[in-house]
Amino acid sequence: MDGHPEETLAASKLGATRSREWVHRVISLLEAAAGQLHNQVHPAQDTLLEATSLLRQQIDPAAAREAPDGRGRLLAWQRRKVRDYINSHITEPVLVAHLCALVQRSEAHFSRSFKRTFGESPHSFVVRCRVELATQYMLTTDASLSDIALRCGFADQAHLSKHFRQAAGQSPAAWRRAYRSPEPLQGATRPAAQSSPRALAVDTA
């Protein structure tokens, strides 16, 4: 049976296009399902994100290996997802593996892109967020340093003191005495404590 090469090629391209459209639709559904589990501790979220990443690699392996943008930085939506995740899990261990899954990147690739985006490693960024959050608590609440340490995701007061001293050059207690007014001005009230560390979002983009 004689065939027409042009028609065969056209049919092949059409089939490939439809397959890609189908896969893109499946990816959208998986991302939507993962988004519905946002801020929930559920093992299905990691599974959905991994499935999405595998599909992306299947339909466009080259793009999956490329840097997120032309300068190797994370895209705006990726930065937002990473910051939101860190802020909402600041009292818990924040693993690089979980951040990678959010943006469908390998750990090595994600770490490079993260540093180009924020100017520091994921670990350093998380520690800085925790230190900044601790300063807010020290200025606006009467909570003990040990309590503040736990609220900000540090293991204990010593852990907080170590990182705070590295960042500020003095202990948390000394910094608190130096920067916090002992009494509010007449007619003024001391700022109320935030109900949750998650309310204190850190935006460093």
N, C-alpha and C. Protein backbone atom coordinates (compact mmCIF):
# COMPACT_ATOMS: atom_id res chain seq x y z
N MET A 1 0.85 -1.19 0.00
CA MET A 1 0.00 0.00 0.00
C MET A 1 0.87 1.23 0.00
N ASP A 2 0.66 2.09 -1.04
CA ASP A 2 1.44 3.31 -1.15
C ASP A 2 0.84 4.38 -0.26
N GLY A 3 1.68 5.05 0.53
CA GLY A 3 1.20 6.13 1.39
C GLY A 3 1.73 7.46 0.90
N HIS A 4 1.20 8.51 1.43
CA HIS A 4 1.64 9.86 1.12
C HIS A 4 2.43 10.37 2.32
N PRO A 5 3.73 10.55 2.16
CA PRO A 5 4.56 10.98 3.29
C PRO A 5 4.05 12.25 3.95
N GLU A 6 3.57 13.21 3.13
CA GLU A 6 3.10 14.47 3.70
C GLU A 6 1.91 14.25 4.63
N GLU A 7 0.97 13.40 4.19
CA GLU A 7 -0.22 13.14 4.99
C GLU A 7 0.15 12.39 6.27
N THR A 8 1.08 11.44 6.13
CA THR A 8 1.51 10.67 7.31
C THR A 8 2.17 11.58 8.34
N LEU A 9 3.02 12.50 7.84
CA LEU A 9 3.72 13.43 8.73
C LEU A 9 2.73 14.37 9.42
N ALA A 10 1.74 14.85 8.64
CA ALA A 10 0.74 15.75 9.20
C ALA A 10 -0.08 15.05 10.28
N ALA A 11 -0.45 13.80 10.01
CA ALA A 11 -1.23 13.04 10.97
C ALA A 11 -0.42 12.80 12.25
N SER A 12 0.88 12.54 12.07
CA SER A 12 1.74 12.30 13.21
C SER A 12 1.87 13.54 14.08
N LYS A 13 2.03 14.71 13.43
CA LYS A 13 2.14 15.96 14.17
C LYS A 13 0.85 16.29 14.91
N LEU A 14 -0.28 16.01 14.23
CA LEU A 14 -1.57 16.27 14.86
C LEU A 14 -1.75 15.41 16.10
N GLY A 15 -1.36 14.14 15.98
CA GLY A 15 -1.47 13.23 17.12
C GLY A 15 -0.59 13.67 18.27
N ALA A 16 0.63 14.13 17.94
CA ALA A 16 1.55 14.58 18.98
C ALA A 16 1.00 15.82 19.68
N THR A 17 0.42 16.73 18.89
CA THR A 17 -0.14 17.96 19.46
C THR A 17 -1.28 17.64 20.42
N ARG A 18 -2.15 16.73 19.98
CA ARG A 18 -3.28 16.35 20.83
C ARG A 18 -2.80 15.67 22.11
N SER A 19 -1.75 14.86 21.98
CA SER A 19 -1.21 14.17 23.16
C SER A 19 -0.65 15.18 24.16
N ARG A 20 0.05 16.19 23.64
CA ARG A 20 0.61 17.22 24.52
C ARG A 20 -0.50 18.01 25.20
N GLU A 21 -1.54 18.33 24.44
CA GLU A 21 -2.66 19.06 25.03
C GLU A 21 -3.31 18.24 26.14
N TRP A 22 -3.43 16.95 25.91
CA TRP A 22 -4.02 16.07 26.91
C TRP A 22 -3.17 16.01 28.16
N VAL A 23 -1.85 15.89 27.97
CA VAL A 23 -0.94 15.84 29.11
C VAL A 23 -0.97 17.16 29.89
N HIS A 24 -1.01 18.28 29.16
CA HIS A 24 -1.08 19.59 29.82
C HIS A 24 -2.35 19.70 30.67
N ARG A 25 -3.43 19.13 30.15
CA ARG A 25 -4.68 19.17 30.91
C ARG A 25 -4.58 18.31 32.18
N VAL A 26 -3.94 17.17 32.06
CA VAL A 26 -3.73 16.31 33.23
C VAL A 26 -2.85 17.04 34.26
N ILE A 27 -1.81 17.72 33.77
CA ILE A 27 -0.93 18.48 34.67
C ILE A 27 -1.72 19.56 35.41
N SER A 28 -2.58 20.26 34.70
CA SER A 28 -3.41 21.30 35.32
C SER A 28 -4.30 20.73 36.41
N LEU A 29 -4.87 19.55 36.13
CA LEU A 29 -5.74 18.91 37.12
C LEU A 29 -4.94 18.48 38.35
N LEU A 30 -3.74 17.95 38.13
CA LEU A 30 -2.90 17.53 39.25
C LEU A 30 -2.49 18.73 40.10
N GLU A 31 -2.12 19.84 39.44
CA GLU A 31 -1.72 21.04 40.17
C GLU A 31 -2.90 21.60 40.96
N ALA A 32 -4.09 21.55 40.35
CA ALA A 32 -5.28 22.04 41.05
C ALA A 32 -5.56 21.19 42.29
N ALA A 33 -5.40 19.88 42.15
CA ALA A 33 -5.62 18.98 43.29
C ALA A 33 -4.60 19.24 44.38
N ALA A 34 -3.33 19.46 44.00
CA ALA A 34 -2.29 19.75 44.99
C ALA A 34 -2.57 21.09 45.68
N GLY A 35 -3.07 22.05 44.90
CA GLY A 35 -3.40 23.36 45.46
C GLY A 35 -4.50 23.29 46.49
N GLN A 36 -5.43 22.36 46.31
CA GLN A 36 -6.52 22.19 47.27
C GLN A 36 -6.03 21.64 48.60
N LEU A 37 -4.84 21.04 48.58
CA LEU A 37 -4.26 20.51 49.82
C LEU A 37 -3.26 21.47 50.43
N HIS A 38 -3.17 22.70 49.87
CA HIS A 38 -2.21 23.68 50.37
C HIS A 38 -2.45 23.96 51.85
N ASN A 39 -1.33 24.05 52.60
CA ASN A 39 -1.37 24.30 54.05
C ASN A 39 -1.94 23.13 54.85
N GLN A 40 -2.07 21.98 54.20
CA GLN A 40 -2.52 20.80 54.91
C GLN A 40 -1.40 19.76 54.92
N VAL A 41 -1.22 19.11 56.05
CA VAL A 41 -0.21 18.06 56.14
C VAL A 41 -0.83 16.78 55.60
N HIS A 42 -0.58 16.51 54.33
CA HIS A 42 -1.20 15.36 53.69
C HIS A 42 -0.19 14.74 52.72
N PRO A 43 0.09 13.44 52.85
CA PRO A 43 1.09 12.81 51.97
C PRO A 43 0.71 12.84 50.50
N ALA A 44 -0.58 13.00 50.19
CA ALA A 44 -1.00 13.01 48.79
C ALA A 44 -0.46 14.23 48.06
N GLN A 45 -0.19 15.33 48.77
CA GLN A 45 0.29 16.54 48.10
C GLN A 45 1.64 16.28 47.43
N ASP A 46 2.57 15.66 48.16
CA ASP A 46 3.88 15.36 47.59
C ASP A 46 3.75 14.41 46.39
N THR A 47 2.85 13.45 46.49
CA THR A 47 2.64 12.50 45.40
C THR A 47 2.11 13.20 44.15
N LEU A 48 1.17 14.09 44.34
CA LEU A 48 0.60 14.83 43.20
C LEU A 48 1.66 15.71 42.54
N LEU A 49 2.46 16.39 43.35
CA LEU A 49 3.50 17.26 42.80
C LEU A 49 4.57 16.46 42.06
N GLU A 50 4.90 15.28 42.59
CA GLU A 50 5.88 14.42 41.92
C GLU A 50 5.33 13.93 40.58
N ALA A 51 4.06 13.56 40.56
CA ALA A 51 3.43 13.11 39.31
C ALA A 51 3.44 14.24 38.28
N THR A 52 3.17 15.46 38.73
CA THR A 52 3.18 16.61 37.83
C THR A 52 4.57 16.82 37.25
N SER A 53 5.58 16.72 38.10
CA SER A 53 6.96 16.91 37.65
C SER A 53 7.35 15.85 36.61
N LEU A 54 6.96 14.61 36.84
CA LEU A 54 7.29 13.53 35.89
C LEU A 54 6.63 13.76 34.54
N LEU A 55 5.39 14.22 34.55
CA LEU A 55 4.70 14.50 33.28
C LEU A 55 5.38 15.64 32.53
N ARG A 56 5.80 16.69 33.26
CA ARG A 56 6.49 17.81 32.61
C ARG A 56 7.78 17.34 31.96
N GLN A 57 8.51 16.49 32.67
CA GLN A 57 9.76 15.98 32.11
C GLN A 57 9.51 15.11 30.88
N GLN A 58 8.38 14.42 30.86
CA GLN A 58 8.07 13.53 29.75
C GLN A 58 7.76 14.31 28.47
N ILE A 59 6.99 15.39 28.60
CA ILE A 59 6.57 16.13 27.40
C ILE A 59 7.61 17.15 26.95
N ASP A 60 8.50 17.58 27.87
CA ASP A 60 9.50 18.58 27.49
C ASP A 60 10.74 18.41 28.37
N PRO A 61 11.55 17.38 28.11
CA PRO A 61 12.72 17.12 28.95
C PRO A 61 13.71 18.28 28.99
N ALA A 62 13.89 18.94 27.86
CA ALA A 62 14.85 20.05 27.81
C ALA A 62 14.42 21.19 28.71
N ALA A 63 13.14 21.55 28.63
CA ALA A 63 12.63 22.64 29.45
C ALA A 63 12.69 22.29 30.93
N ALA A 64 12.51 21.03 31.24
CA ALA A 64 12.54 20.61 32.64
C ALA A 64 13.93 20.78 33.24
N ARG A 65 14.97 20.75 32.36
CA ARG A 65 16.33 20.89 32.85
C ARG A 65 16.81 22.33 32.85
N GLU A 66 16.09 23.21 32.16
CA GLU A 66 16.51 24.60 32.06
C GLU A 66 16.24 25.37 33.34
N ALA A 67 16.94 26.49 33.49
CA ALA A 67 16.69 27.36 34.64
C ALA A 67 15.32 27.96 34.51
N PRO A 68 14.64 28.26 35.64
CA PRO A 68 13.29 28.81 35.62
C PRO A 68 13.14 30.07 34.79
N ASP A 69 14.11 30.97 34.80
CA ASP A 69 14.03 32.10 33.89
C ASP A 69 15.40 32.32 33.25
N GLY A 70 15.50 33.33 32.39
CA GLY A 70 16.73 33.51 31.63
C GLY A 70 17.95 33.75 32.48
N ARG A 71 17.76 34.26 33.70
CA ARG A 71 18.89 34.53 34.59
C ARG A 71 19.03 33.47 35.68
N GLY A 72 18.32 32.38 35.53
CA GLY A 72 18.45 31.30 36.48
C GLY A 72 17.71 31.50 37.78
N ARG A 73 16.80 32.47 37.81
CA ARG A 73 16.05 32.73 39.04
C ARG A 73 14.68 32.05 38.98
N LEU A 74 14.07 31.93 40.15
CA LEU A 74 12.72 31.39 40.20
C LEU A 74 11.74 32.38 39.60
N LEU A 75 10.69 31.86 38.99
CA LEU A 75 9.65 32.71 38.43
C LEU A 75 8.80 33.30 39.55
N ALA A 76 8.00 34.32 39.21
CA ALA A 76 7.21 35.02 40.23
C ALA A 76 6.30 34.08 40.99
N TRP A 77 5.60 33.17 40.28
CA TRP A 77 4.68 32.27 40.96
C TRP A 77 5.43 31.27 41.83
N GLN A 78 6.65 30.93 41.41
CA GLN A 78 7.46 30.01 42.21
C GLN A 78 7.96 30.70 43.48
N ARG A 79 8.39 31.96 43.35
CA ARG A 79 8.82 32.71 44.53
C ARG A 79 7.67 32.83 45.52
N ARG A 80 6.48 33.12 45.00
CA ARG A 80 5.31 33.29 45.87
C ARG A 80 4.98 31.99 46.60
N LYS A 81 5.01 30.88 45.88
CA LYS A 81 4.68 29.59 46.50
C LYS A 81 5.70 29.24 47.57
N VAL A 82 6.97 29.51 47.29
CA VAL A 82 8.02 29.18 48.25
C VAL A 82 7.89 30.04 49.50
N ARG A 83 7.70 31.36 49.32
CA ARG A 83 7.55 32.24 50.48
C ARG A 83 6.32 31.88 51.30
N ASP A 84 5.21 31.62 50.62
CA ASP A 84 3.98 31.27 51.33
C ASP A 84 4.16 29.99 52.14
N TYR A 85 4.84 29.02 51.53
CA TYR A 85 5.05 27.75 52.23
C TYR A 85 5.92 27.96 53.47
N ILE A 86 7.00 28.71 53.32
CA ILE A 86 7.90 28.95 54.45
C ILE A 86 7.17 29.70 55.57
N ASN A 87 6.42 30.74 55.21
CA ASN A 87 5.70 31.51 56.22
C ASN A 87 4.67 30.68 56.95
N SER A 88 4.01 29.77 56.24
CA SER A 88 2.94 28.98 56.86
C SER A 88 3.48 27.76 57.60
N HIS A 89 4.78 27.47 57.45
CA HIS A 89 5.38 26.32 58.14
C HIS A 89 6.58 26.76 58.98
N ILE A 90 6.60 28.04 59.38
CA ILE A 90 7.78 28.59 60.04
C ILE A 90 8.05 27.91 61.39
N THR A 91 7.04 27.35 62.04
CA THR A 91 7.24 26.69 63.33
C THR A 91 7.65 25.23 63.16
N GLU A 92 7.71 24.75 61.93
CA GLU A 92 8.02 23.36 61.65
C GLU A 92 9.34 23.25 60.89
N PRO A 93 9.90 22.05 60.80
CA PRO A 93 11.07 21.87 59.94
C PRO A 93 10.69 22.16 58.49
N VAL A 94 11.46 23.01 57.82
CA VAL A 94 11.21 23.33 56.41
C VAL A 94 12.29 22.62 55.60
N LEU A 95 11.89 21.59 54.89
CA LEU A 95 12.84 20.77 54.13
C LEU A 95 12.97 21.26 52.71
N VAL A 96 14.19 21.25 52.19
CA VAL A 96 14.42 21.65 50.81
C VAL A 96 13.64 20.75 49.86
N ALA A 97 13.50 19.48 50.21
CA ALA A 97 12.76 18.54 49.36
C ALA A 97 11.32 18.99 49.16
N HIS A 98 10.70 19.53 50.20
CA HIS A 98 9.33 20.01 50.08
C HIS A 98 9.26 21.25 49.21
N LEU A 99 10.25 22.14 49.33
CA LEU A 99 10.27 23.35 48.50
C LEU A 99 10.48 22.98 47.03
N CYS A 100 11.33 21.98 46.80
CA CYS A 100 11.56 21.53 45.42
C CYS A 100 10.28 21.01 44.80
N ALA A 101 9.52 20.25 45.58
CA ALA A 101 8.28 19.67 45.07
C ALA A 101 7.28 20.75 44.70
N LEU A 102 7.30 21.87 45.41
CA LEU A 102 6.35 22.94 45.13
C LEU A 102 6.52 23.49 43.73
N VAL A 103 7.77 23.54 43.25
CA VAL A 103 8.04 24.15 41.94
C VAL A 103 8.56 23.13 40.93
N GLN A 104 8.47 21.85 41.28
CA GLN A 104 8.86 20.77 40.38
C GLN A 104 10.30 20.91 39.87
N ARG A 105 11.24 21.03 40.81
CA ARG A 105 12.65 21.14 40.45
C ARG A 105 13.47 20.13 41.25
N SER A 106 14.59 19.70 40.69
CA SER A 106 15.49 18.84 41.44
C SER A 106 16.12 19.66 42.56
N GLU A 107 16.63 18.99 43.58
CA GLU A 107 17.18 19.71 44.73
C GLU A 107 18.37 20.59 44.34
N ALA A 108 19.28 20.04 43.53
CA ALA A 108 20.45 20.82 43.13
C ALA A 108 20.04 22.02 42.29
N HIS A 109 19.13 21.81 41.34
CA HIS A 109 18.69 22.88 40.47
C HIS A 109 17.93 23.93 41.27
N PHE A 110 17.07 23.49 42.16
CA PHE A 110 16.30 24.42 42.98
C PHE A 110 17.21 25.27 43.86
N SER A 111 18.19 24.65 44.48
CA SER A 111 19.08 25.39 45.38
C SER A 111 19.83 26.48 44.64
N ARG A 112 20.29 26.20 43.41
CA ARG A 112 20.98 27.22 42.62
C ARG A 112 20.03 28.37 42.27
N SER A 113 18.84 28.02 41.81
CA SER A 113 17.87 29.05 41.43
C SER A 113 17.43 29.86 42.64
N PHE A 114 17.27 29.20 43.77
CA PHE A 114 16.87 29.90 45.00
C PHE A 114 17.92 30.94 45.39
N LYS A 115 19.19 30.56 45.36
CA LYS A 115 20.24 31.48 45.76
C LYS A 115 20.34 32.66 44.79
N ARG A 116 20.12 32.41 43.51
CA ARG A 116 20.13 33.51 42.54
C ARG A 116 18.95 34.44 42.75
N THR A 117 17.87 33.91 43.27
CA THR A 117 16.66 34.70 43.48
C THR A 117 16.72 35.51 44.77
N PHE A 118 17.10 34.85 45.86
CA PHE A 118 17.05 35.49 47.18
C PHE A 118 18.42 35.90 47.72
N GLY A 119 19.48 35.50 47.03
CA GLY A 119 20.81 35.91 47.46
C GLY A 119 21.39 35.08 48.60
N GLU A 120 20.74 33.99 48.96
CA GLU A 120 21.22 33.12 50.03
C GLU A 120 20.61 31.74 49.86
N SER A 121 21.15 30.78 50.59
CA SER A 121 20.67 29.41 50.48
C SER A 121 19.29 29.29 51.13
N PRO A 122 18.52 28.24 50.80
CA PRO A 122 17.22 28.04 51.44
C PRO A 122 17.33 28.00 52.97
N HIS A 123 18.35 27.31 53.48
CA HIS A 123 18.51 27.22 54.93
C HIS A 123 18.74 28.59 55.55
N SER A 124 19.63 29.38 54.96
CA SER A 124 19.92 30.71 55.50
C SER A 124 18.68 31.61 55.43
N PHE A 125 17.93 31.47 54.35
CA PHE A 125 16.71 32.27 54.20
C PHE A 125 15.70 31.94 55.30
N VAL A 126 15.50 30.65 55.56
CA VAL A 126 14.54 30.23 56.59
C VAL A 126 14.99 30.73 57.96
N VAL A 127 16.28 30.60 58.25
CA VAL A 127 16.80 31.07 59.54
C VAL A 127 16.59 32.57 59.68
N ARG A 128 16.84 33.32 58.62
CA ARG A 128 16.65 34.77 58.67
C ARG A 128 15.19 35.12 58.91
N CYS A 129 14.28 34.40 58.24
CA CYS A 129 12.85 34.63 58.46
C CYS A 129 12.49 34.40 59.93
N ARG A 130 13.06 33.36 60.51
CA ARG A 130 12.77 33.05 61.90
C ARG A 130 13.33 34.11 62.84
N VAL A 131 14.53 34.59 62.53
CA VAL A 131 15.12 35.65 63.36
C VAL A 131 14.30 36.93 63.27
N GLU A 132 13.87 37.29 62.05
CA GLU A 132 13.05 38.49 61.88
C GLU A 132 11.72 38.36 62.61
N LEU A 133 11.15 37.17 62.58
CA LEU A 133 9.91 36.94 63.29
C LEU A 133 10.12 37.06 64.80
N ALA A 134 11.26 36.54 65.27
CA ALA A 134 11.58 36.63 66.70
C ALA A 134 11.69 38.09 67.14
N THR A 135 12.28 38.93 66.29
CA THR A 135 12.39 40.35 66.66
C THR A 135 11.01 40.98 66.81
N GLN A 136 10.07 40.59 65.96
CA GLN A 136 8.71 41.11 66.07
C GLN A 136 8.07 40.72 67.40
N TYR A 137 8.26 39.48 67.78
CA TYR A 137 7.71 39.00 69.05
C TYR A 137 8.37 39.71 70.23
N MET A 138 9.68 39.92 70.14
CA MET A 138 10.39 40.57 71.24
C MET A 138 9.95 42.01 71.42
N LEU A 139 9.61 42.67 70.32
CA LEU A 139 9.19 44.06 70.39
C LEU A 139 7.73 44.23 70.79
N THR A 140 6.90 43.27 70.45
CA THR A 140 5.46 43.47 70.61
C THR A 140 4.79 42.58 71.64
N THR A 141 5.55 41.68 72.29
CA THR A 141 4.94 40.80 73.29
C THR A 141 5.83 40.74 74.54
N ASP A 142 5.27 40.22 75.59
CA ASP A 142 6.02 39.99 76.83
C ASP A 142 6.43 38.52 76.95
N ALA A 143 6.32 37.78 75.88
CA ALA A 143 6.65 36.35 75.91
C ALA A 143 8.12 36.15 76.25
N SER A 144 8.41 35.06 76.93
CA SER A 144 9.80 34.73 77.26
C SER A 144 10.56 34.34 76.00
N LEU A 145 11.86 34.43 76.08
CA LEU A 145 12.68 34.08 74.92
C LEU A 145 12.55 32.60 74.57
N SER A 146 12.37 31.76 75.58
CA SER A 146 12.21 30.34 75.30
C SER A 146 10.90 30.09 74.54
N ASP A 147 9.86 30.82 74.90
CA ASP A 147 8.58 30.68 74.21
C ASP A 147 8.67 31.23 72.79
N ILE A 148 9.35 32.37 72.64
CA ILE A 148 9.51 32.97 71.32
C ILE A 148 10.31 32.03 70.41
N ALA A 149 11.32 31.40 70.97
CA ALA A 149 12.13 30.47 70.17
C ALA A 149 11.27 29.37 69.57
N LEU A 150 10.38 28.80 70.37
CA LEU A 150 9.52 27.73 69.88
C LEU A 150 8.50 28.26 68.88
N ARG A 151 7.98 29.46 69.10
CA ARG A 151 7.01 30.05 68.17
C ARG A 151 7.62 30.29 66.79
N CYS A 152 8.93 30.50 66.77
CA CYS A 152 9.60 30.84 65.51
C CYS A 152 10.30 29.65 64.87
N GLY A 153 10.12 28.47 65.43
CA GLY A 153 10.67 27.27 64.79
C GLY A 153 12.07 26.89 65.23
N PHE A 154 12.61 27.56 66.25
CA PHE A 154 13.91 27.17 66.78
C PHE A 154 13.73 26.03 67.78
N ALA A 155 14.76 25.23 67.95
CA ALA A 155 14.67 24.07 68.84
C ALA A 155 14.50 24.49 70.29
N ASP A 156 15.20 25.56 70.68
CA ASP A 156 15.12 26.06 72.05
C ASP A 156 15.72 27.46 72.09
N GLN A 157 15.80 28.04 73.29
CA GLN A 157 16.32 29.40 73.42
C GLN A 157 17.78 29.50 72.99
N ALA A 158 18.57 28.48 73.29
CA ALA A 158 19.98 28.49 72.89
C ALA A 158 20.12 28.53 71.37
N HIS A 159 19.26 27.79 70.69
CA HIS A 159 19.27 27.78 69.23
C HIS A 159 18.94 29.16 68.68
N LEU A 160 17.92 29.80 69.26
CA LEU A 160 17.57 31.17 68.86
C LEU A 160 18.73 32.12 69.13
N SER A 161 19.32 32.02 70.32
CA SER A 161 20.40 32.93 70.69
C SER A 161 21.59 32.82 69.75
N LYS A 162 21.91 31.60 69.37
CA LYS A 162 23.04 31.39 68.46
C LYS A 162 22.84 32.12 67.14
N HIS A 163 21.68 31.91 66.51
CA HIS A 163 21.44 32.52 65.21
C HIS A 163 21.17 34.02 65.33
N PHE A 164 20.55 34.43 66.42
CA PHE A 164 20.28 35.85 66.60
C PHE A 164 21.59 36.62 66.78
N ARG A 165 22.50 36.06 67.57
CA ARG A 165 23.79 36.72 67.77
C ARG A 165 24.57 36.83 66.46
N GLN A 166 24.48 35.79 65.63
CA GLN A 166 25.17 35.83 64.34
C GLN A 166 24.60 36.93 63.44
N ALA A 167 23.28 37.14 63.53
CA ALA A 167 22.63 38.13 62.67
C ALA A 167 22.73 39.55 63.21
N ALA A 168 22.57 39.71 64.53
CA ALA A 168 22.49 41.05 65.12
C ALA A 168 23.73 41.48 65.88
N GLY A 169 24.63 40.54 66.15
CA GLY A 169 25.84 40.90 66.85
C GLY A 169 25.68 41.01 68.36
N GLN A 170 24.54 40.65 68.88
CA GLN A 170 24.31 40.66 70.32
C GLN A 170 23.23 39.65 70.67
N SER A 171 23.09 39.36 71.94
CA SER A 171 22.12 38.36 72.36
C SER A 171 20.70 38.90 72.21
N PRO A 172 19.71 38.01 72.12
CA PRO A 172 18.32 38.47 72.04
C PRO A 172 17.91 39.33 73.23
N ALA A 173 18.36 38.95 74.44
CA ALA A 173 18.00 39.70 75.63
C ALA A 173 18.55 41.12 75.57
N ALA A 174 19.82 41.26 75.15
CA ALA A 174 20.43 42.59 75.06
C ALA A 174 19.74 43.41 73.98
N TRP A 175 19.44 42.79 72.87
CA TRP A 175 18.76 43.51 71.78
C TRP A 175 17.38 43.97 72.23
N ARG A 176 16.70 43.12 72.95
CA ARG A 176 15.34 43.46 73.41
C ARG A 176 15.38 44.66 74.36
N ARG A 177 16.34 44.67 75.27
CA ARG A 177 16.47 45.79 76.21
C ARG A 177 16.80 47.09 75.48
N ALA A 178 17.60 46.98 74.42
CA ALA A 178 18.05 48.18 73.72
C ALA A 178 16.99 48.78 72.82
N TYR A 179 16.17 47.94 72.23
CA TYR A 179 15.24 48.43 71.20
C TYR A 179 13.79 48.49 71.63
N ARG A 180 13.46 47.92 72.75
CA ARG A 180 12.08 47.96 73.18
C ARG A 180 11.88 49.00 74.26
N SER A 181 10.89 49.87 74.06
CA SER A 181 10.59 50.88 75.07
C SER A 181 10.07 50.19 76.32
N PRO A 182 10.58 50.56 77.48
CA PRO A 182 10.13 49.89 78.71
C PRO A 182 8.66 50.13 79.00
N GLU A 183 8.16 51.31 78.65
CA GLU A 183 6.76 51.63 78.89
C GLU A 183 6.20 52.35 77.68
N PRO A 184 4.94 52.09 77.29
CA PRO A 184 4.35 52.81 76.18
C PRO A 184 4.13 54.26 76.55
N LEU A 185 4.11 55.13 75.55
CA LEU A 185 3.87 56.54 75.77
C LEU A 185 2.49 56.75 76.38
N GLN A 186 2.32 57.87 77.10
CA GLN A 186 1.04 58.14 77.73
C GLN A 186 -0.06 58.21 76.67
N GLY A 187 -1.12 57.48 76.92
CA GLY A 187 -2.24 57.47 75.99
C GLY A 187 -2.08 56.47 74.87
N ALA A 188 -0.91 55.84 74.81
CA ALA A 188 -0.68 54.85 73.75
C ALA A 188 -0.74 53.46 74.36
N THR A 189 -0.97 52.50 73.56
CA THR A 189 -1.01 51.11 74.01
C THR A 189 0.04 50.32 73.28
N ARG A 190 0.55 49.34 73.96
CA ARG A 190 1.56 48.48 73.35
C ARG A 190 0.91 47.64 72.26
N PRO A 191 1.58 47.46 71.12
CA PRO A 191 0.99 46.65 70.04
C PRO A 191 0.63 45.27 70.52
N ALA A 192 -0.53 44.79 70.07
CA ALA A 192 -0.97 43.46 70.47
C ALA A 192 -0.13 42.41 69.79
N ALA A 193 0.03 41.28 70.45
CA ALA A 193 0.80 40.18 69.87
C ALA A 193 0.01 39.57 68.73
N GLN A 194 0.74 39.12 67.72
CA GLN A 194 0.10 38.42 66.63
C GLN A 194 -0.44 37.09 67.13
N SER A 195 -1.58 36.69 66.64
CA SER A 195 -2.18 35.43 67.09
C SER A 195 -1.39 34.23 66.62
N SER A 196 -0.66 34.38 65.53
CA SER A 196 0.08 33.24 64.98
C SER A 196 1.28 33.73 64.21
N PRO A 197 2.43 33.00 64.24
CA PRO A 197 3.57 33.39 63.44
C PRO A 197 3.24 33.49 61.97
N ARG A 198 2.22 32.78 61.50
CA ARG A 198 1.89 32.79 60.09
C ARG A 198 1.38 34.16 59.64
N ALA A 199 0.92 34.98 60.60
CA ALA A 199 0.40 36.28 60.23
C ALA A 199 1.50 37.25 59.90
N LEU A 200 2.74 36.93 60.30
CA LEU A 200 3.86 37.81 60.06
C LEU A 200 4.61 37.35 58.83
N ALA A 201 4.12 37.69 57.66
CA ALA A 201 4.74 37.24 56.42
C ALA A 201 6.00 38.02 56.15
N VAL A 202 7.01 37.34 55.65
CA VAL A 202 8.28 37.97 55.31
C VAL A 202 8.39 38.04 53.80
N ASP A 203 8.48 39.23 53.26
CA ASP A 203 8.55 39.40 51.80
C ASP A 203 9.92 39.97 51.48
N THR A 204 10.76 39.16 50.82
CA THR A 204 12.11 39.59 50.52
C THR A 204 12.40 39.55 49.04
N ALA A 205 11.36 39.55 48.22
CA ALA A 205 11.59 39.47 46.77
C ALA A 205 12.28 40.73 46.29
